[in-house]
Amino acid sequence: MRESLSAWSDPKFFIGNMVPTCIDDDRAAAGAVMRRTLAAYVRLRNYQNYWIEAGYAEEMQAIRAALARGDDRGVLDLMSDRWLRDVTLFGPAREGVEAWRASGVRTVIVVPSSTRGGQMQAFEELIGAFR
């Protein structure tokens, strides 16, 4: 185990994370976009298993039960704020970036969405936010 941990302290070891992102001062609207964006992923067993292992067993077990009942709306409601905050970046532009960095992620690879338009609008918002 100690050998694998040494990679984390190697400055040449790249740590990045692809993060679904929605920049908007209206945090609730941005969160709703992220829930819709991730709705397809939480339906997939491999993602559920990953998130269970990452500490979100309660959310993923509840989502599995909702899927078994055919409760699609329930799936969105079961995507907890805690889970959403930990697996996405949403709300005001710089909020949350510090938390990702504190976790060891040196490069956040954003996958932007927007509350006001399509992918190009999302890119414009993202670039504008970090100028």
N, C-alpha and C. Protein backbone atom coordinates (compact mmCIF):
# COMPACT_ATOMS: atom_id res chain seq x y z
N MET A 1 0.82 -1.20 0.00
CA MET A 1 0.00 0.00 0.00
C MET A 1 0.86 1.25 0.00
N ARG A 2 1.93 1.25 0.79
CA ARG A 2 2.78 2.43 0.89
C ARG A 2 3.35 2.82 -0.47
N GLU A 3 3.70 1.82 -1.31
CA GLU A 3 4.24 2.12 -2.63
C GLU A 3 3.21 2.85 -3.49
N SER A 4 1.96 2.40 -3.43
CA SER A 4 0.94 3.06 -4.25
C SER A 4 0.68 4.48 -3.78
N LEU A 5 0.85 4.74 -2.49
CA LEU A 5 0.64 6.09 -1.98
C LEU A 5 1.75 7.03 -2.40
N SER A 6 2.94 6.50 -2.69
CA SER A 6 4.04 7.37 -3.08
C SER A 6 3.75 8.08 -4.39
N ALA A 7 2.94 7.49 -5.26
CA ALA A 7 2.59 8.14 -6.52
C ALA A 7 1.87 9.46 -6.27
N TRP A 8 1.09 9.54 -5.19
CA TRP A 8 0.34 10.75 -4.89
C TRP A 8 1.26 11.93 -4.59
N SER A 9 2.44 11.66 -4.06
CA SER A 9 3.35 12.75 -3.73
C SER A 9 4.32 13.07 -4.86
N ASP A 10 4.33 12.28 -5.91
CA ASP A 10 5.19 12.52 -7.06
C ASP A 10 4.61 13.69 -7.86
N PRO A 11 5.36 14.81 -8.01
CA PRO A 11 4.81 15.97 -8.72
C PRO A 11 4.52 15.68 -10.20
N LYS A 12 5.08 14.62 -10.74
CA LYS A 12 4.82 14.27 -12.14
C LYS A 12 3.56 13.42 -12.29
N PHE A 13 3.03 12.93 -11.16
CA PHE A 13 1.84 12.10 -11.20
C PHE A 13 0.63 13.02 -11.38
N PHE A 14 -0.08 12.86 -12.49
CA PHE A 14 -1.22 13.72 -12.81
C PHE A 14 -2.46 13.21 -12.10
N ILE A 15 -3.09 14.10 -11.33
CA ILE A 15 -4.37 13.79 -10.70
C ILE A 15 -5.40 14.74 -11.28
N GLY A 16 -6.34 14.20 -12.01
CA GLY A 16 -7.40 15.02 -12.59
C GLY A 16 -8.73 14.32 -12.38
N ASN A 17 -9.78 15.06 -12.54
CA ASN A 17 -11.10 14.49 -12.38
C ASN A 17 -12.06 15.20 -13.32
N MET A 18 -12.80 14.41 -14.09
CA MET A 18 -13.79 14.96 -14.99
C MET A 18 -15.04 15.28 -14.17
N VAL A 19 -15.44 16.54 -14.18
CA VAL A 19 -16.50 16.99 -13.29
C VAL A 19 -17.63 17.65 -14.08
N PRO A 20 -18.84 17.08 -14.03
CA PRO A 20 -19.99 17.77 -14.62
C PRO A 20 -20.15 19.12 -13.93
N THR A 21 -20.35 20.18 -14.71
CA THR A 21 -20.32 21.54 -14.18
C THR A 21 -21.48 22.36 -14.74
N CYS A 22 -22.08 23.17 -13.88
CA CYS A 22 -23.09 24.13 -14.33
C CYS A 22 -22.88 25.42 -13.54
N ILE A 23 -22.46 26.47 -14.24
CA ILE A 23 -22.19 27.76 -13.63
C ILE A 23 -23.46 28.61 -13.67
N ASP A 24 -23.94 28.98 -12.49
CA ASP A 24 -25.11 29.85 -12.41
C ASP A 24 -25.21 30.36 -10.97
N ASP A 25 -25.48 31.64 -10.81
CA ASP A 25 -25.66 32.18 -9.46
C ASP A 25 -26.87 31.57 -8.77
N ASP A 26 -27.82 31.06 -9.54
CA ASP A 26 -28.99 30.37 -9.00
C ASP A 26 -28.59 28.91 -8.75
N ARG A 27 -28.13 28.66 -7.55
CA ARG A 27 -27.60 27.34 -7.19
C ARG A 27 -28.64 26.22 -7.38
N ALA A 28 -29.89 26.49 -7.05
CA ALA A 28 -30.94 25.48 -7.19
C ALA A 28 -31.16 25.13 -8.66
N ALA A 29 -31.17 26.13 -9.53
CA ALA A 29 -31.34 25.87 -10.97
C ALA A 29 -30.17 25.08 -11.52
N ALA A 30 -28.96 25.43 -11.10
CA ALA A 30 -27.77 24.70 -11.54
C ALA A 30 -27.80 23.26 -11.03
N GLY A 31 -28.25 23.07 -9.80
CA GLY A 31 -28.37 21.71 -9.24
C GLY A 31 -29.37 20.88 -10.00
N ALA A 32 -30.47 21.49 -10.42
CA ALA A 32 -31.49 20.77 -11.20
C ALA A 32 -30.91 20.31 -12.54
N VAL A 33 -30.10 21.16 -13.16
CA VAL A 33 -29.44 20.77 -14.42
C VAL A 33 -28.51 19.59 -14.17
N MET A 34 -27.76 19.64 -13.08
CA MET A 34 -26.84 18.53 -12.77
C MET A 34 -27.59 17.23 -12.50
N ARG A 35 -28.72 17.31 -11.82
CA ARG A 35 -29.51 16.11 -11.57
C ARG A 35 -29.99 15.49 -12.89
N ARG A 36 -30.47 16.35 -13.80
CA ARG A 36 -30.92 15.83 -15.10
C ARG A 36 -29.74 15.26 -15.89
N THR A 37 -28.58 15.92 -15.80
CA THR A 37 -27.39 15.46 -16.51
C THR A 37 -26.94 14.08 -16.02
N LEU A 38 -27.00 13.87 -14.72
CA LEU A 38 -26.51 12.62 -14.14
C LEU A 38 -27.58 11.53 -14.02
N ALA A 39 -28.81 11.86 -14.39
CA ALA A 39 -29.90 10.88 -14.26
C ALA A 39 -29.61 9.59 -15.02
N ALA A 40 -29.03 9.69 -16.19
CA ALA A 40 -28.71 8.48 -16.98
C ALA A 40 -27.61 7.66 -16.30
N TYR A 41 -26.65 8.33 -15.69
CA TYR A 41 -25.53 7.63 -15.05
C TYR A 41 -25.97 6.84 -13.82
N VAL A 42 -26.86 7.43 -13.00
CA VAL A 42 -27.26 6.72 -11.78
C VAL A 42 -28.12 5.50 -12.09
N ARG A 43 -28.56 5.37 -13.32
CA ARG A 43 -29.32 4.19 -13.72
C ARG A 43 -28.41 3.01 -14.08
N LEU A 44 -27.13 3.28 -14.26
CA LEU A 44 -26.18 2.25 -14.68
C LEU A 44 -25.53 1.57 -13.48
N ARG A 45 -25.57 0.27 -13.47
CA ARG A 45 -25.07 -0.52 -12.34
C ARG A 45 -23.60 -0.23 -12.02
N ASN A 46 -22.76 -0.08 -13.06
CA ASN A 46 -21.34 0.17 -12.80
C ASN A 46 -21.12 1.50 -12.08
N TYR A 47 -21.88 2.53 -12.45
CA TYR A 47 -21.78 3.81 -11.74
C TYR A 47 -22.33 3.69 -10.33
N GLN A 48 -23.44 3.00 -10.18
CA GLN A 48 -24.00 2.79 -8.84
C GLN A 48 -22.96 2.10 -7.96
N ASN A 49 -22.33 1.06 -8.48
CA ASN A 49 -21.32 0.35 -7.69
C ASN A 49 -20.16 1.25 -7.31
N TYR A 50 -19.72 2.08 -8.24
CA TYR A 50 -18.64 3.02 -7.95
C TYR A 50 -19.05 3.96 -6.82
N TRP A 51 -20.26 4.54 -6.92
CA TRP A 51 -20.68 5.49 -5.90
C TRP A 51 -20.96 4.81 -4.57
N ILE A 52 -21.39 3.57 -4.58
CA ILE A 52 -21.54 2.83 -3.32
C ILE A 52 -20.19 2.71 -2.64
N GLU A 53 -19.19 2.32 -3.42
CA GLU A 53 -17.84 2.17 -2.87
C GLU A 53 -17.27 3.51 -2.41
N ALA A 54 -17.68 4.59 -3.05
CA ALA A 54 -17.19 5.92 -2.69
C ALA A 54 -17.91 6.51 -1.49
N GLY A 55 -18.90 5.80 -0.93
CA GLY A 55 -19.56 6.29 0.29
C GLY A 55 -20.99 6.75 0.13
N TYR A 56 -21.61 6.43 -0.98
CA TYR A 56 -22.99 6.87 -1.22
C TYR A 56 -23.93 5.67 -1.33
N ALA A 57 -23.74 4.70 -0.47
CA ALA A 57 -24.54 3.47 -0.51
C ALA A 57 -26.02 3.77 -0.30
N GLU A 58 -26.34 4.63 0.65
CA GLU A 58 -27.74 4.91 0.96
C GLU A 58 -28.46 5.48 -0.27
N GLU A 59 -27.83 6.44 -0.93
CA GLU A 59 -28.43 7.05 -2.11
C GLU A 59 -28.61 6.03 -3.24
N MET A 60 -27.56 5.25 -3.49
CA MET A 60 -27.60 4.32 -4.62
C MET A 60 -28.57 3.15 -4.36
N GLN A 61 -28.67 2.68 -3.13
CA GLN A 61 -29.63 1.62 -2.81
C GLN A 61 -31.06 2.14 -3.00
N ALA A 62 -31.29 3.38 -2.57
CA ALA A 62 -32.62 3.98 -2.75
C ALA A 62 -32.93 4.17 -4.23
N ILE A 63 -31.95 4.57 -5.01
CA ILE A 63 -32.15 4.73 -6.45
C ILE A 63 -32.43 3.39 -7.10
N ARG A 64 -31.72 2.35 -6.70
CA ARG A 64 -31.99 1.01 -7.23
C ARG A 64 -33.42 0.59 -6.94
N ALA A 65 -33.88 0.87 -5.73
CA ALA A 65 -35.26 0.50 -5.37
C ALA A 65 -36.26 1.29 -6.21
N ALA A 66 -36.00 2.58 -6.42
CA ALA A 66 -36.91 3.40 -7.25
C ALA A 66 -36.93 2.88 -8.68
N LEU A 67 -35.78 2.52 -9.21
CA LEU A 67 -35.72 1.98 -10.58
C LEU A 67 -36.50 0.67 -10.68
N ALA A 68 -36.39 -0.16 -9.66
CA ALA A 68 -37.11 -1.43 -9.66
C ALA A 68 -38.62 -1.20 -9.65
N ARG A 69 -39.07 -0.11 -9.03
CA ARG A 69 -40.50 0.24 -9.00
C ARG A 69 -40.94 0.97 -10.26
N GLY A 70 -39.98 1.38 -11.10
CA GLY A 70 -40.31 2.17 -12.28
C GLY A 70 -40.57 3.63 -11.96
N ASP A 71 -40.03 4.10 -10.84
CA ASP A 71 -40.26 5.46 -10.36
C ASP A 71 -39.16 6.40 -10.87
N ASP A 72 -39.27 6.83 -12.12
CA ASP A 72 -38.25 7.70 -12.71
C ASP A 72 -38.13 9.04 -12.00
N ARG A 73 -39.26 9.64 -11.64
CA ARG A 73 -39.22 10.93 -10.93
C ARG A 73 -38.54 10.77 -9.58
N GLY A 74 -38.78 9.67 -8.94
CA GLY A 74 -38.16 9.40 -7.65
C GLY A 74 -36.65 9.34 -7.73
N VAL A 75 -36.12 8.87 -8.86
CA VAL A 75 -34.67 8.80 -9.04
C VAL A 75 -34.06 10.19 -8.90
N LEU A 76 -34.65 11.18 -9.55
CA LEU A 76 -34.13 12.55 -9.44
C LEU A 76 -34.17 13.05 -8.01
N ASP A 77 -35.25 12.76 -7.32
CA ASP A 77 -35.40 13.21 -5.93
C ASP A 77 -34.42 12.53 -4.99
N LEU A 78 -33.97 11.33 -5.33
CA LEU A 78 -33.06 10.57 -4.47
C LEU A 78 -31.60 10.92 -4.67
N MET A 79 -31.32 11.76 -5.63
CA MET A 79 -29.94 12.22 -5.86
C MET A 79 -29.68 13.31 -4.81
N SER A 80 -29.14 12.92 -3.67
CA SER A 80 -29.04 13.81 -2.52
C SER A 80 -28.15 15.03 -2.81
N ASP A 81 -28.40 16.09 -2.06
CA ASP A 81 -27.58 17.30 -2.18
C ASP A 81 -26.13 16.98 -1.85
N ARG A 82 -25.91 16.15 -0.84
CA ARG A 82 -24.55 15.76 -0.45
C ARG A 82 -23.84 15.08 -1.62
N TRP A 83 -24.50 14.10 -2.23
CA TRP A 83 -23.93 13.37 -3.36
C TRP A 83 -23.66 14.33 -4.53
N LEU A 84 -24.66 15.14 -4.86
CA LEU A 84 -24.53 16.07 -5.99
C LEU A 84 -23.38 17.05 -5.77
N ARG A 85 -23.27 17.58 -4.57
CA ARG A 85 -22.20 18.52 -4.23
C ARG A 85 -20.82 17.87 -4.36
N ASP A 86 -20.75 16.58 -4.04
CA ASP A 86 -19.47 15.88 -4.06
C ASP A 86 -19.06 15.39 -5.44
N VAL A 87 -20.00 15.20 -6.35
CA VAL A 87 -19.65 14.62 -7.66
C VAL A 87 -19.78 15.60 -8.81
N THR A 88 -20.26 16.82 -8.54
CA THR A 88 -20.38 17.82 -9.59
C THR A 88 -19.87 19.16 -9.07
N LEU A 89 -19.85 20.13 -9.93
CA LEU A 89 -19.51 21.50 -9.56
C LEU A 89 -20.64 22.35 -10.12
N PHE A 90 -21.43 22.97 -9.24
CA PHE A 90 -22.57 23.75 -9.70
C PHE A 90 -22.80 24.95 -8.80
N GLY A 91 -23.41 25.96 -9.39
CA GLY A 91 -23.68 27.19 -8.66
C GLY A 91 -22.73 28.28 -9.11
N PRO A 92 -22.46 29.25 -8.23
CA PRO A 92 -21.54 30.33 -8.57
C PRO A 92 -20.17 29.77 -8.99
N ALA A 93 -19.53 30.47 -9.90
CA ALA A 93 -18.35 29.96 -10.61
C ALA A 93 -17.25 29.39 -9.72
N ARG A 94 -16.81 30.10 -8.75
CA ARG A 94 -15.63 29.66 -8.00
C ARG A 94 -15.96 28.81 -6.78
N GLU A 95 -17.24 28.72 -6.47
CA GLU A 95 -17.66 27.91 -5.34
C GLU A 95 -17.35 26.45 -5.61
N GLY A 96 -16.76 25.78 -4.71
CA GLY A 96 -16.52 24.35 -4.87
C GLY A 96 -15.17 23.99 -5.46
N VAL A 97 -14.56 24.88 -6.22
CA VAL A 97 -13.26 24.57 -6.82
C VAL A 97 -12.24 24.28 -5.73
N GLU A 98 -12.28 25.06 -4.66
CA GLU A 98 -11.32 24.87 -3.56
C GLU A 98 -11.47 23.49 -2.93
N ALA A 99 -12.69 23.00 -2.82
CA ALA A 99 -12.92 21.67 -2.23
C ALA A 99 -12.30 20.58 -3.10
N TRP A 100 -12.44 20.72 -4.42
CA TRP A 100 -11.82 19.73 -5.31
C TRP A 100 -10.31 19.75 -5.14
N ARG A 101 -9.73 20.93 -5.07
CA ARG A 101 -8.28 21.05 -4.89
C ARG A 101 -7.86 20.45 -3.55
N ALA A 102 -8.61 20.72 -2.50
CA ALA A 102 -8.27 20.19 -1.17
C ALA A 102 -8.29 18.66 -1.16
N SER A 103 -9.08 18.06 -2.02
CA SER A 103 -9.15 16.60 -2.08
C SER A 103 -7.98 15.99 -2.84
N GLY A 104 -7.14 16.84 -3.43
CA GLY A 104 -5.98 16.34 -4.15
C GLY A 104 -6.07 16.45 -5.65
N VAL A 105 -7.21 16.86 -6.15
CA VAL A 105 -7.38 17.01 -7.59
C VAL A 105 -6.72 18.32 -7.99
N ARG A 106 -5.68 18.23 -8.80
CA ARG A 106 -4.97 19.44 -9.21
C ARG A 106 -5.56 20.03 -10.49
N THR A 107 -6.20 19.21 -11.28
CA THR A 107 -6.80 19.68 -12.52
C THR A 107 -8.24 19.19 -12.57
N VAL A 108 -9.16 20.12 -12.61
CA VAL A 108 -10.58 19.79 -12.75
C VAL A 108 -10.91 19.87 -14.23
N ILE A 109 -11.30 18.77 -14.81
CA ILE A 109 -11.67 18.71 -16.22
C ILE A 109 -13.18 18.87 -16.27
N VAL A 110 -13.62 20.07 -16.59
CA VAL A 110 -15.04 20.36 -16.52
C VAL A 110 -15.78 19.90 -17.77
N VAL A 111 -17.00 19.45 -17.55
CA VAL A 111 -17.93 19.08 -18.61
C VAL A 111 -19.12 20.00 -18.39
N PRO A 112 -19.14 21.16 -19.09
CA PRO A 112 -20.13 22.19 -18.75
C PRO A 112 -21.52 21.96 -19.32
N SER A 113 -22.49 22.38 -18.52
CA SER A 113 -23.90 22.47 -18.90
C SER A 113 -24.35 23.87 -18.53
N SER A 114 -25.52 24.26 -18.98
CA SER A 114 -26.01 25.61 -18.71
C SER A 114 -27.49 25.57 -18.34
N THR A 115 -27.89 26.53 -17.54
CA THR A 115 -29.31 26.70 -17.23
C THR A 115 -30.00 27.55 -18.29
N ARG A 116 -29.21 28.19 -19.16
CA ARG A 116 -29.76 29.14 -20.13
C ARG A 116 -29.60 28.73 -21.59
N GLY A 117 -29.00 27.62 -21.86
CA GLY A 117 -28.79 27.25 -23.25
C GLY A 117 -28.03 25.94 -23.39
N GLY A 118 -27.54 25.70 -24.59
CA GLY A 118 -26.85 24.46 -24.90
C GLY A 118 -25.38 24.48 -24.52
N GLN A 119 -24.66 23.54 -25.11
CA GLN A 119 -23.25 23.34 -24.78
C GLN A 119 -22.40 24.57 -25.06
N MET A 120 -22.62 25.26 -26.18
CA MET A 120 -21.82 26.46 -26.49
C MET A 120 -22.07 27.57 -25.47
N GLN A 121 -23.31 27.72 -25.04
CA GLN A 121 -23.63 28.70 -23.99
C GLN A 121 -22.88 28.33 -22.71
N ALA A 122 -22.85 27.05 -22.38
CA ALA A 122 -22.16 26.59 -21.18
C ALA A 122 -20.67 26.90 -21.24
N PHE A 123 -20.04 26.68 -22.39
CA PHE A 123 -18.62 27.00 -22.54
C PHE A 123 -18.38 28.50 -22.37
N GLU A 124 -19.23 29.32 -22.96
CA GLU A 124 -19.09 30.77 -22.83
C GLU A 124 -19.21 31.20 -21.37
N GLU A 125 -20.15 30.64 -20.64
CA GLU A 125 -20.33 30.97 -19.23
C GLU A 125 -19.10 30.56 -18.42
N LEU A 126 -18.60 29.39 -18.71
CA LEU A 126 -17.45 28.88 -17.98
C LEU A 126 -16.21 29.73 -18.24
N ILE A 127 -15.95 30.04 -19.49
CA ILE A 127 -14.78 30.87 -19.84
C ILE A 127 -14.94 32.26 -19.20
N GLY A 128 -16.12 32.83 -19.29
CA GLY A 128 -16.36 34.14 -18.70
C GLY A 128 -16.17 34.15 -17.19
N ALA A 129 -16.53 33.07 -16.53
CA ALA A 129 -16.44 33.01 -15.07
C ALA A 129 -15.01 32.96 -14.57
N PHE A 130 -14.11 32.42 -15.37
CA PHE A 130 -12.73 32.26 -14.89
C PHE A 130 -11.74 33.17 -15.60
N ARG A 131 -12.22 34.23 -16.22
CA ARG A 131 -11.31 35.22 -16.84
C ARG A 131 -10.66 36.05 -15.80
